Amino acid sequence: MGRAGCKSPGIQDGRPRPGCRGLRPQGSHHPCGGFRAAVNPAQPGTYNDSGKISAWAQEAVNEATGLGIIQGDEDGAFKPDALSTRAETALMLYRMLDKLSFI
């Protein structure tokens, strides 16, 4: 069953669950939802594995990349099947708050 009632890694029923680990596309999708109106995204980058990013997440990944919230790894890959670490999630939140001039 996993941690904190998670049936699988990630977000269940469209809502984040405490203690659940999300995949990278999920982490890109949620912060950008309320962020779009606040800033004008730059041109998104491309990843060498962008064909593996699910269609439902593609727009959010492109926006988050264009805004500088997420970046590829040293090999230029996004790794959409990888789980986001706490450090990666914290860095995305930091970059988002920085773009909004909250920090």
Protein backbone atom coordinates (compact mmCIF):
# COMPACT_ATOMS: atom_id res chain seq x y z
CA MET A 1 0.00 0.00 0.00
CA GLY A 2 2.90 2.43 0.48
CA ARG A 3 3.34 5.37 2.78
CA ALA A 4 0.49 7.50 4.12
CA GLY A 5 -2.18 5.57 2.24
CA CYS A 6 -0.53 5.90 -1.16
CA LYS A 7 -1.63 3.14 -3.49
CA SER A 8 1.12 4.08 -5.92
CA PRO A 9 3.81 6.75 -6.07
CA GLY A 10 2.50 10.21 -6.72
CA ILE A 11 -0.71 12.09 -6.47
CA GLN A 12 -4.03 10.29 -6.06
CA ASP A 13 -7.38 11.65 -7.26
CA GLY A 14 -5.70 14.85 -8.43
CA ARG A 15 -4.77 15.81 -4.88
CA PRO A 16 -1.32 15.57 -3.28
CA ARG A 17 -1.07 13.29 -0.27
CA PRO A 18 1.35 13.90 2.60
CA GLY A 19 4.18 11.43 2.44
CA CYS A 20 3.50 10.39 -1.18
CA ARG A 21 6.33 10.70 -3.63
CA GLY A 22 5.48 12.17 -7.01
CA LEU A 23 6.95 11.64 -10.42
CA ARG A 24 8.72 14.56 -12.05
CA PRO A 25 5.88 15.45 -14.45
CA GLN A 26 3.49 15.68 -11.50
CA GLY A 27 5.92 17.98 -9.72
CA SER A 28 6.05 20.23 -12.77
CA HIS A 29 2.32 20.29 -13.27
CA HIS A 30 1.08 21.46 -9.89
CA PRO A 31 3.28 24.48 -9.11
CA CYS A 32 2.70 26.01 -12.53
CA GLY A 33 -1.08 25.99 -12.27
CA GLY A 34 -1.29 29.18 -10.21
CA PHE A 35 1.96 30.55 -11.52
CA ARG A 36 0.92 31.17 -15.14
CA ALA A 37 -0.91 34.41 -14.48
CA ALA A 38 1.91 35.87 -12.42
CA VAL A 39 4.77 35.71 -14.92
CA ASN A 40 5.35 35.45 -18.63
CA PRO A 41 7.29 32.25 -19.33
CA ALA A 42 10.37 32.34 -21.48
CA GLN A 43 10.85 29.94 -24.37
CA PRO A 44 10.98 26.39 -22.99
CA GLY A 45 14.03 24.22 -23.41
CA THR A 46 14.03 20.73 -24.81
CA TYR A 47 15.07 17.48 -23.20
CA ASN A 48 16.66 14.56 -25.00
CA ASP A 49 13.92 12.32 -23.56
CA SER A 50 10.99 14.71 -24.08
CA GLY A 51 9.16 12.04 -26.09
CA LYS A 52 8.73 10.10 -22.84
CA ILE A 53 6.89 12.94 -21.08
CA SER A 54 3.15 12.18 -20.90
CA ALA A 55 0.89 14.33 -23.05
CA TRP A 56 -1.05 15.60 -20.00
CA ALA A 57 2.19 16.94 -18.46
CA GLN A 58 3.94 18.29 -21.56
CA GLU A 59 2.59 21.85 -21.37
CA ALA A 60 3.39 22.21 -17.65
CA VAL A 61 6.89 20.76 -18.13
CA ASN A 62 7.53 23.21 -20.99
CA GLU A 63 6.26 26.13 -18.91
CA ALA A 64 8.24 25.16 -15.82
CA THR A 65 11.35 24.74 -17.97
CA GLY A 66 10.82 28.07 -19.72
CA LEU A 67 10.37 29.78 -16.37
CA GLY A 68 13.58 28.25 -15.04
CA ILE A 69 11.76 26.30 -12.33
CA ILE A 70 13.00 22.96 -13.62
CA GLN A 71 16.08 22.02 -15.61
CA GLY A 72 17.38 18.87 -17.16
CA ASP A 73 20.16 16.85 -15.65
CA GLU A 74 23.78 17.11 -16.79
CA ASP A 75 22.96 14.85 -19.76
CA GLY A 76 20.03 17.01 -20.89
CA ALA A 77 17.40 14.51 -19.75
CA PHE A 78 14.20 15.18 -17.83
CA LYS A 79 13.70 11.56 -16.70
CA PRO A 80 9.89 11.63 -16.47
CA ASP A 81 9.74 8.16 -14.93
CA ALA A 82 12.01 9.11 -12.02
CA LEU A 83 10.64 10.08 -8.63
CA SER A 84 11.28 13.65 -7.50
CA THR A 85 13.55 13.88 -4.50
CA ARG A 86 12.91 16.20 -1.58
CA ALA A 87 15.86 18.31 -2.73
CA GLU A 88 14.43 18.65 -6.25
CA THR A 89 11.01 19.59 -4.90
CA ALA A 90 12.52 22.15 -2.52
CA LEU A 91 14.56 23.64 -5.36
CA MET A 92 11.47 23.95 -7.57
CA LEU A 93 9.60 25.72 -4.77
CA TYR A 94 12.57 28.00 -4.12
CA ARG A 95 12.82 28.96 -7.80
CA MET A 96 9.07 29.58 -8.00
CA LEU A 97 9.09 31.80 -4.91
CA ASP A 98 12.13 33.63 -6.26
CA LYS A 99 10.36 34.31 -9.58
CA LEU A 100 7.40 35.71 -7.66
CA SER A 101 9.79 37.92 -5.62
CA PHE A 102 8.70 36.32 -2.36
CA ILE A 103 12.32 35.66 -1.39
